[in-house]
N, C-alpha and C. Protein backbone atom coordinates (compact mmCIF):
# COMPACT_ATOMS: atom_id res chain seq x y z
N MET A 1 76.04 124.81 116.49
CA MET A 1 76.60 125.91 115.75
C MET A 1 78.09 125.64 115.51
N LEU A 2 78.53 125.80 114.27
CA LEU A 2 79.92 125.57 113.92
C LEU A 2 80.75 126.82 114.16
N HIS A 3 81.94 126.61 114.67
CA HIS A 3 82.85 127.73 114.88
C HIS A 3 83.82 127.81 113.71
N GLN A 4 84.15 129.01 113.33
CA GLN A 4 85.06 129.22 112.22
C GLN A 4 86.50 129.17 112.74
N ILE A 5 87.35 128.45 112.00
CA ILE A 5 88.76 128.36 112.37
C ILE A 5 89.47 129.62 111.89
N PRO A 6 90.23 130.26 112.78
CA PRO A 6 90.92 131.50 112.38
C PRO A 6 91.92 131.23 111.24
N PRO A 7 91.95 132.11 110.24
CA PRO A 7 92.85 131.93 109.10
C PRO A 7 94.33 131.86 109.51
N LEU A 8 94.72 132.58 110.55
CA LEU A 8 96.10 132.55 111.01
C LEU A 8 96.49 131.16 111.51
N LEU A 9 95.56 130.48 112.15
CA LEU A 9 95.80 129.13 112.63
C LEU A 9 95.99 128.16 111.46
N ILE A 10 95.24 128.33 110.41
CA ILE A 10 95.37 127.49 109.21
C ILE A 10 96.72 127.73 108.55
N VAL A 11 97.12 128.99 108.44
CA VAL A 11 98.41 129.33 107.84
C VAL A 11 99.55 128.75 108.67
N ALA A 12 99.46 128.85 109.99
CA ALA A 12 100.50 128.32 110.87
C ALA A 12 100.60 126.80 110.73
N TYR A 13 99.46 126.12 110.62
CA TYR A 13 99.43 124.66 110.47
C TYR A 13 100.10 124.24 109.16
N VAL A 14 99.78 124.94 108.07
CA VAL A 14 100.38 124.61 106.77
C VAL A 14 101.88 124.92 106.77
N LEU A 15 102.29 126.00 107.42
CA LEU A 15 103.72 126.33 107.51
C LEU A 15 104.48 125.29 108.32
N LEU A 16 103.88 124.82 109.42
CA LEU A 16 104.52 123.76 110.20
C LEU A 16 104.63 122.47 109.38
N ALA A 17 103.60 122.17 108.60
CA ALA A 17 103.65 121.00 107.73
C ALA A 17 104.75 121.15 106.68
N ALA A 18 104.94 122.36 106.17
CA ALA A 18 106.00 122.61 105.20
C ALA A 18 107.38 122.46 105.84
N VAL A 19 107.53 122.88 107.08
CA VAL A 19 108.81 122.71 107.78
C VAL A 19 109.10 121.23 107.98
N VAL A 20 108.10 120.45 108.35
CA VAL A 20 108.28 119.01 108.50
C VAL A 20 108.64 118.39 107.15
N GLY A 21 107.99 118.83 106.09
CA GLY A 21 108.33 118.35 104.76
C GLY A 21 109.75 118.69 104.37
N PHE A 22 110.20 119.88 104.74
CA PHE A 22 111.58 120.29 104.45
C PHE A 22 112.58 119.39 105.15
N PHE A 23 112.34 119.10 106.43
CA PHE A 23 113.25 118.24 107.17
C PHE A 23 113.17 116.79 106.72
N GLY A 24 112.07 116.42 106.10
CA GLY A 24 111.92 115.06 105.61
C GLY A 24 112.28 114.88 104.16
N ARG A 25 112.88 115.89 103.54
CA ARG A 25 113.18 115.83 102.11
C ARG A 25 114.20 114.76 101.75
N LYS A 26 115.04 114.34 102.69
CA LYS A 26 116.04 113.32 102.41
C LYS A 26 115.58 111.93 102.88
N ARG A 27 114.31 111.81 103.19
CA ARG A 27 113.75 110.52 103.60
C ARG A 27 113.11 109.86 102.39
N ALA A 28 112.64 108.64 102.59
CA ALA A 28 112.07 107.85 101.49
C ALA A 28 110.87 108.55 100.85
N ALA A 29 110.04 109.21 101.63
CA ALA A 29 108.85 109.86 101.10
C ALA A 29 109.16 111.19 100.43
N GLY A 30 110.31 111.79 100.74
CA GLY A 30 110.67 113.07 100.16
C GLY A 30 109.87 114.21 100.76
N PHE A 31 110.06 115.40 100.19
CA PHE A 31 109.37 116.59 100.71
C PHE A 31 107.87 116.46 100.58
N ALA A 32 107.39 116.13 99.37
CA ALA A 32 105.95 116.10 99.11
C ALA A 32 105.25 115.07 99.97
N GLY A 33 105.83 113.90 100.09
CA GLY A 33 105.20 112.85 100.90
C GLY A 33 105.11 113.22 102.36
N ASN A 34 106.20 113.76 102.90
CA ASN A 34 106.18 114.18 104.30
C ASN A 34 105.27 115.37 104.53
N PHE A 35 105.20 116.26 103.56
CA PHE A 35 104.30 117.42 103.68
C PHE A 35 102.85 116.97 103.74
N VAL A 36 102.46 116.10 102.82
CA VAL A 36 101.06 115.62 102.79
C VAL A 36 100.75 114.81 104.05
N LEU A 37 101.68 113.94 104.44
CA LEU A 37 101.44 113.16 105.66
C LEU A 37 101.34 114.04 106.89
N SER A 38 102.12 115.11 106.94
CA SER A 38 102.03 116.00 108.10
C SER A 38 100.74 116.82 108.08
N LEU A 39 100.20 117.06 106.89
CA LEU A 39 98.89 117.71 106.83
C LEU A 39 97.80 116.78 107.35
N VAL A 40 97.91 115.50 107.00
CA VAL A 40 96.89 114.53 107.38
C VAL A 40 97.04 114.10 108.85
N LEU A 41 98.27 113.80 109.26
CA LEU A 41 98.52 113.24 110.59
C LEU A 41 98.90 114.27 111.65
N THR A 42 99.05 115.48 111.31
CA THR A 42 99.52 116.61 112.11
C THR A 42 101.05 116.69 112.08
N PRO A 43 101.57 117.90 112.04
CA PRO A 43 103.01 118.10 112.01
C PRO A 43 103.73 117.53 113.24
N VAL A 44 103.07 117.52 114.38
CA VAL A 44 103.71 117.02 115.60
C VAL A 44 104.00 115.52 115.46
N ILE A 45 103.03 114.76 115.01
CA ILE A 45 103.22 113.31 114.85
C ILE A 45 104.28 113.03 113.80
N MET A 46 104.24 113.73 112.67
CA MET A 46 105.23 113.48 111.63
C MET A 46 106.63 113.89 112.05
N SER A 47 106.76 114.93 112.88
CA SER A 47 108.09 115.30 113.35
C SER A 47 108.64 114.21 114.27
N LEU A 48 107.78 113.58 115.06
CA LEU A 48 108.22 112.46 115.89
C LEU A 48 108.64 111.28 115.03
N VAL A 49 107.88 111.01 113.97
CA VAL A 49 108.23 109.92 113.04
C VAL A 49 109.58 110.21 112.39
N LEU A 50 109.82 111.45 111.99
CA LEU A 50 111.09 111.80 111.37
C LEU A 50 112.25 111.67 112.35
N MET A 51 112.04 112.02 113.60
CA MET A 51 113.10 111.91 114.60
C MET A 51 113.45 110.46 114.89
N LEU A 52 112.45 109.58 114.86
CA LEU A 52 112.68 108.18 115.17
C LEU A 52 113.14 107.37 113.97
N GLY A 53 112.84 107.84 112.77
CA GLY A 53 113.19 107.11 111.56
C GLY A 53 114.64 107.32 111.16
N THR A 54 115.06 106.55 110.16
CA THR A 54 116.42 106.69 109.64
C THR A 54 116.38 107.33 108.27
N PRO A 55 117.41 108.10 107.91
CA PRO A 55 117.44 108.72 106.59
C PRO A 55 117.60 107.69 105.47
N ARG A 56 117.22 108.09 104.29
CA ARG A 56 117.36 107.25 103.11
C ARG A 56 118.85 107.04 102.85
N PRO A 57 119.27 105.80 102.56
CA PRO A 57 120.69 105.57 102.25
C PRO A 57 121.07 106.26 100.95
N GLN A 58 122.23 106.88 100.95
CA GLN A 58 122.71 107.58 99.76
C GLN A 58 123.36 106.59 98.79
N ALA A 59 123.18 106.82 97.53
CA ALA A 59 123.84 105.99 96.52
C ALA A 59 125.32 106.31 96.52
N THR A 60 126.13 105.29 96.40
CA THR A 60 127.57 105.52 96.38
C THR A 60 127.98 106.08 95.03
N LYS A 61 128.79 107.09 95.05
CA LYS A 61 129.26 107.72 93.82
C LYS A 61 130.62 107.14 93.47
N ALA A 62 130.74 106.66 92.26
CA ALA A 62 132.01 106.14 91.79
C ALA A 62 132.91 107.30 91.40
N LYS A 63 134.09 107.33 91.98
CA LYS A 63 135.03 108.41 91.67
C LYS A 63 135.96 107.97 90.56
N ALA A 64 136.02 108.77 89.54
CA ALA A 64 136.92 108.48 88.42
C ALA A 64 138.28 109.10 88.72
N LYS A 65 139.28 108.27 88.75
CA LYS A 65 140.62 108.78 89.05
C LYS A 65 141.54 108.51 87.90
């Protein structure tokens, strides 16, 4: 017999994935990539990956003087 997953648990899981995506928005995968990966791999694993990884290097802006 299959058990039904409570809707609140699903909402919490998606919200945690969105938080991980938000914190990963400045990484190579961006918000969408980190959000989808956290849905697939779980937000806990992706948050560990984000903590251990390095941010995307910023492009240097030429200043006109």
